């Protein structure tokens, strides 16, 4: 029996993240949703919707904890927060794929500089499931 893979979604209340979460519904992945602590009640309301019943889903207020547990990290924070989040998760993202799913994503070379020991990629939230399988199969 295969081990259930875990995906951290950093910036879970951003539109791209919500699209990715909806795309991952029923996919069998465990989802760790990170947002800022003051947004947890909003995330809790969003994630408790009927469409998420039966999904292994947990919301977290710490990007480090979410990323540490994850096999793959989806990045969906506003551009002005990318460097701060990258600095926070750098040590726990070593060797893991980090996928920028934002429409106006960071230049991949810039993200690679911020996370030098991670595999960096990008994906469109609408086709996230096929992108995730590709990134996880590479590792």
C-alpha atoms as a PDB file:
ATOM      1  CA  UNK A   1       0.000   0.000   0.000  1.00  0.00           C
ATOM      2  CA  UNK A   2       1.390   3.424  -0.990  1.00  0.00           C
ATOM      3  CA  UNK A   3       1.910   6.109   1.614  1.00  0.00           C
ATOM      4  CA  UNK A   4      -0.442   9.063   1.347  1.00  0.00           C
ATOM      5  CA  UNK A   5       1.465  12.083   0.057  1.00  0.00           C
ATOM      6  CA  UNK A   6       1.111  15.464   1.713  1.00  0.00           C
ATOM      7  CA  UNK A   7       0.860  18.826  -0.011  1.00  0.00           C
ATOM      8  CA  UNK A   8       1.323  22.126   1.821  1.00  0.00           C
ATOM      9  CA  UNK A   9      -0.483  25.087   0.317  1.00  0.00           C
ATOM     10  CA  UNK A  10       1.132  28.291   1.549  1.00  0.00           C
ATOM     11  CA  UNK A  11      -1.266  31.202   1.120  1.00  0.00           C
ATOM     12  CA  UNK A  12      -4.384  29.035   1.106  1.00  0.00           C
ATOM     13  CA  UNK A  13      -6.867  31.906   0.904  1.00  0.00           C
ATOM     14  CA  UNK A  14      -5.468  33.368  -2.313  1.00  0.00           C
ATOM     15  CA  UNK A  15      -7.639  32.768  -5.399  1.00  0.00           C
ATOM     16  CA  UNK A  16      -5.057  30.529  -7.085  1.00  0.00           C
ATOM     17  CA  UNK A  17      -4.821  28.413  -3.924  1.00  0.00           C
ATOM     18  CA  UNK A  18      -8.591  28.036  -3.696  1.00  0.00           C
ATOM     19  CA  UNK A  19      -8.640  26.847  -7.316  1.00  0.00           C
ATOM     20  CA  UNK A  20      -5.846  24.372  -6.553  1.00  0.00           C
ATOM     21  CA  UNK A  21      -7.646  23.105  -3.435  1.00  0.00           C
ATOM     22  CA  UNK A  22     -10.816  22.535  -5.443  1.00  0.00           C
ATOM     23  CA  UNK A  23      -8.780  20.704  -8.116  1.00  0.00           C
ATOM     24  CA  UNK A  24      -7.242  18.452  -5.457  1.00  0.00           C
ATOM     25  CA  UNK A  25     -10.596  17.453  -3.979  1.00  0.00           C
ATOM     26  CA  UNK A  26     -10.916  13.692  -4.210  1.00  0.00           C
ATOM     27  CA  UNK A  27      -7.308  13.216  -5.319  1.00  0.00           C
ATOM     28  CA  UNK A  28      -6.225  11.279  -2.217  1.00  0.00           C
ATOM     29  CA  UNK A  29      -3.586  13.768  -1.106  1.00  0.00           C
ATOM     30  CA  UNK A  30      -3.392  15.081   2.444  1.00  0.00           C
ATOM     31  CA  UNK A  31      -3.608  18.883   2.337  1.00  0.00           C
ATOM     32  CA  UNK A  32      -1.995  21.228   4.855  1.00  0.00           C
ATOM     33  CA  UNK A  33      -3.405  24.699   4.359  1.00  0.00           C
ATOM     34  CA  UNK A  34      -1.418  27.642   5.693  1.00  0.00           C
ATOM     35  CA  UNK A  35      -2.661  31.149   6.157  1.00  0.00           C
ATOM     36  CA  UNK A  36      -1.828  33.878   8.635  1.00  0.00           C
ATOM     37  CA  UNK A  37      -3.216  33.348  12.111  1.00  0.00           C
ATOM     38  CA  UNK A  38      -5.676  36.219  11.798  1.00  0.00           C
ATOM     39  CA  UNK A  39      -7.135  34.485   8.714  1.00  0.00           C
ATOM     40  CA  UNK A  40      -7.650  31.057  10.324  1.00  0.00           C
ATOM     41  CA  UNK A  41     -11.358  31.571  10.992  1.00  0.00           C
ATOM     42  CA  UNK A  42     -11.889  32.529   7.335  1.00  0.00           C
ATOM     43  CA  UNK A  43      -9.883  29.498   6.210  1.00  0.00           C
ATOM     44  CA  UNK A  44     -11.792  27.258   8.605  1.00  0.00           C
ATOM     45  CA  UNK A  45     -15.096  28.450   7.131  1.00  0.00           C
ATOM     46  CA  UNK A  46     -13.797  27.977   3.593  1.00  0.00           C
ATOM     47  CA  UNK A  47     -12.358  24.510   4.265  1.00  0.00           C
ATOM     48  CA  UNK A  48     -15.410  23.275   6.143  1.00  0.00           C
ATOM     49  CA  UNK A  49     -17.574  23.599   3.045  1.00  0.00           C
ATOM     50  CA  UNK A  50     -19.537  20.579   1.869  1.00  0.00           C
ATOM     51  CA  UNK A  51     -17.226  20.143  -1.143  1.00  0.00           C
ATOM     52  CA  UNK A  52     -14.385  19.218   1.227  1.00  0.00           C
ATOM     53  CA  UNK A  53     -16.157  16.498   3.203  1.00  0.00           C
ATOM     54  CA  UNK A  54     -14.037  13.359   3.424  1.00  0.00           C
ATOM     55  CA  UNK A  55     -10.788  15.100   2.491  1.00  0.00           C
ATOM     56  CA  UNK A  56      -7.747  14.788   4.744  1.00  0.00           C
ATOM     57  CA  UNK A  57      -7.367  18.509   5.312  1.00  0.00           C
ATOM     58  CA  UNK A  58      -5.741  20.512   8.081  1.00  0.00           C
ATOM     59  CA  UNK A  59      -5.286  24.250   8.387  1.00  0.00           C
ATOM     60  CA  UNK A  60      -2.155  25.596  10.000  1.00  0.00           C
ATOM     61  CA  UNK A  61      -0.858  28.943  11.231  1.00  0.00           C
ATOM     62  CA  UNK A  62       2.822  28.095  10.720  1.00  0.00           C
ATOM     63  CA  UNK A  63       4.358  27.808   7.230  1.00  0.00           C
ATOM     64  CA  UNK A  64       7.362  25.996   8.680  1.00  0.00           C
ATOM     65  CA  UNK A  65       5.254  23.243  10.242  1.00  0.00           C
ATOM     66  CA  UNK A  66       3.152  22.839   7.095  1.00  0.00           C
ATOM     67  CA  UNK A  67       6.225  22.710   4.847  1.00  0.00           C
ATOM     68  CA  UNK A  68       8.140  20.366   7.146  1.00  0.00           C
ATOM     69  CA  UNK A  69       5.390  17.738   6.903  1.00  0.00           C
ATOM     70  CA  UNK A  70       4.844  18.157   3.155  1.00  0.00           C
ATOM     71  CA  UNK A  71       6.144  16.121   0.243  1.00  0.00           C
ATOM     72  CA  UNK A  72       5.421  19.073  -2.045  1.00  0.00           C
ATOM     73  CA  UNK A  73       4.853  22.782  -1.331  1.00  0.00           C
ATOM     74  CA  UNK A  74       2.511  24.975  -3.370  1.00  0.00           C
ATOM     75  CA  UNK A  75       3.271  28.675  -3.047  1.00  0.00           C
ATOM     76  CA  UNK A  76       0.410  31.134  -3.389  1.00  0.00           C
ATOM     77  CA  UNK A  77       1.353  34.129  -1.223  1.00  0.00           C
ATOM     78  CA  UNK A  78       1.282  37.727  -2.467  1.00  0.00           C
ATOM     79  CA  UNK A  79       4.491  38.758  -4.235  1.00  0.00           C
ATOM     80  CA  UNK A  80       5.604  41.045  -1.435  1.00  0.00           C
ATOM     81  CA  UNK A  81       5.568  38.070   0.989  1.00  0.00           C
ATOM     82  CA  UNK A  82       7.526  35.561  -1.114  1.00  0.00           C
ATOM     83  CA  UNK A  83      10.985  36.405   0.276  1.00  0.00           C
ATOM     84  CA  UNK A  84       9.725  36.303   3.866  1.00  0.00           C
ATOM     85  CA  UNK A  85       7.974  32.952   3.402  1.00  0.00           C
ATOM     86  CA  UNK A  86      10.962  31.505   1.523  1.00  0.00           C
ATOM     87  CA  UNK A  87      13.288  32.531   4.359  1.00  0.00           C
ATOM     88  CA  UNK A  88      10.951  30.904   6.884  1.00  0.00           C
ATOM     89  CA  UNK A  89      10.652  27.565   5.058  1.00  0.00           C
ATOM     90  CA  UNK A  90      14.153  27.347   3.528  1.00  0.00           C
ATOM     91  CA  UNK A  91      15.519  24.781   6.011  1.00  0.00           C
ATOM     92  CA  UNK A  92      12.474  22.495   5.899  1.00  0.00           C
ATOM     93  CA  UNK A  93      12.030  22.708   2.114  1.00  0.00           C
ATOM     94  CA  UNK A  94      15.438  21.180   1.342  1.00  0.00           C
ATOM     95  CA  UNK A  95      15.090  18.563  -1.376  1.00  0.00           C
ATOM     96  CA  UNK A  96      11.369  19.197  -1.825  1.00  0.00           C
ATOM     97  CA  UNK A  97       9.584  20.527  -4.873  1.00  0.00           C
ATOM     98  CA  UNK A  98       8.233  24.054  -4.377  1.00  0.00           C
ATOM     99  CA  UNK A  99       5.701  25.016  -7.035  1.00  0.00           C
ATOM    100  CA  UNK A 100       4.636  28.619  -7.597  1.00  0.00           C
ATOM    101  CA  UNK A 101       0.948  28.581  -8.577  1.00  0.00           C
ATOM    102  CA  UNK A 102       0.410  32.344  -8.697  1.00  0.00           C
ATOM    103  CA  UNK A 103      -0.663  33.924 -11.978  1.00  0.00           C
ATOM    104  CA  UNK A 104       1.922  36.679 -11.527  1.00  0.00           C
ATOM    105  CA  UNK A 105       4.477  34.335  -9.999  1.00  0.00           C
ATOM    106  CA  UNK A 106       8.004  35.158  -9.012  1.00  0.00           C
ATOM    107  CA  UNK A 107      10.654  34.667 -11.652  1.00  0.00           C
ATOM    108  CA  UNK A 108      11.701  31.047 -11.157  1.00  0.00           C
ATOM    109  CA  UNK A 109      15.389  31.962 -10.984  1.00  0.00           C
ATOM    110  CA  UNK A 110      14.592  34.399  -8.159  1.00  0.00           C
ATOM    111  CA  UNK A 111      12.648  31.723  -6.286  1.00  0.00           C
ATOM    112  CA  UNK A 112      15.514  29.257  -6.843  1.00  0.00           C
ATOM    113  CA  UNK A 113      17.892  31.807  -5.293  1.00  0.00           C
ATOM    114  CA  UNK A 114      15.585  32.148  -2.281  1.00  0.00           C
ATOM    115  CA  UNK A 115      15.240  28.339  -1.945  1.00  0.00           C
ATOM    116  CA  UNK A 116      18.570  27.033  -3.294  1.00  0.00           C
ATOM    117  CA  UNK A 117      18.147  23.423  -2.105  1.00  0.00           C
ATOM    118  CA  UNK A 118      14.589  22.934  -3.377  1.00  0.00           C
ATOM    119  CA  UNK A 119      13.333  21.929  -6.802  1.00  0.00           C
ATOM    120  CA  UNK A 120      11.474  24.965  -8.153  1.00  0.00           C
ATOM    121  CA  UNK A 121       8.665  24.932 -10.677  1.00  0.00           C
ATOM    122  CA  UNK A 122       5.440  26.655 -11.571  1.00  0.00           C
ATOM    123  CA  UNK A 123       1.982  25.463 -12.483  1.00  0.00           C
ATOM    124  CA  UNK A 124      -1.410  26.805 -13.432  1.00  0.00           C
ATOM    125  CA  UNK A 125      -3.928  26.116 -10.635  1.00  0.00           C
ATOM    126  CA  UNK A 126      -6.514  24.754 -13.099  1.00  0.00           C
ATOM    127  CA  UNK A 127      -4.199  21.899 -14.118  1.00  0.00           C
ATOM    128  CA  UNK A 128      -2.563  21.458 -10.734  1.00  0.00           C
ATOM    129  CA  UNK A 129      -3.297  17.755 -10.368  1.00  0.00           C
ATOM    130  CA  UNK A 130      -1.271  16.736 -13.428  1.00  0.00           C
ATOM    131  CA  UNK A 131       1.516  19.155 -12.443  1.00  0.00           C
ATOM    132  CA  UNK A 132       1.672  17.742  -8.919  1.00  0.00           C
ATOM    133  CA  UNK A 133       1.950  14.188 -10.201  1.00  0.00           C
ATOM    134  CA  UNK A 134       4.789  15.282 -12.480  1.00  0.00           C
ATOM    135  CA  UNK A 135       6.701  17.037  -9.672  1.00  0.00           C
ATOM    136  CA  UNK A 136       6.205  14.197  -7.186  1.00  0.00           C
ATOM    137  CA  UNK A 137       7.269  11.570  -9.722  1.00  0.00           C
ATOM    138  CA  UNK A 138      10.542  13.448 -10.256  1.00  0.00           C
ATOM    139  CA  UNK A 139      11.424  13.005  -6.572  1.00  0.00           C
END
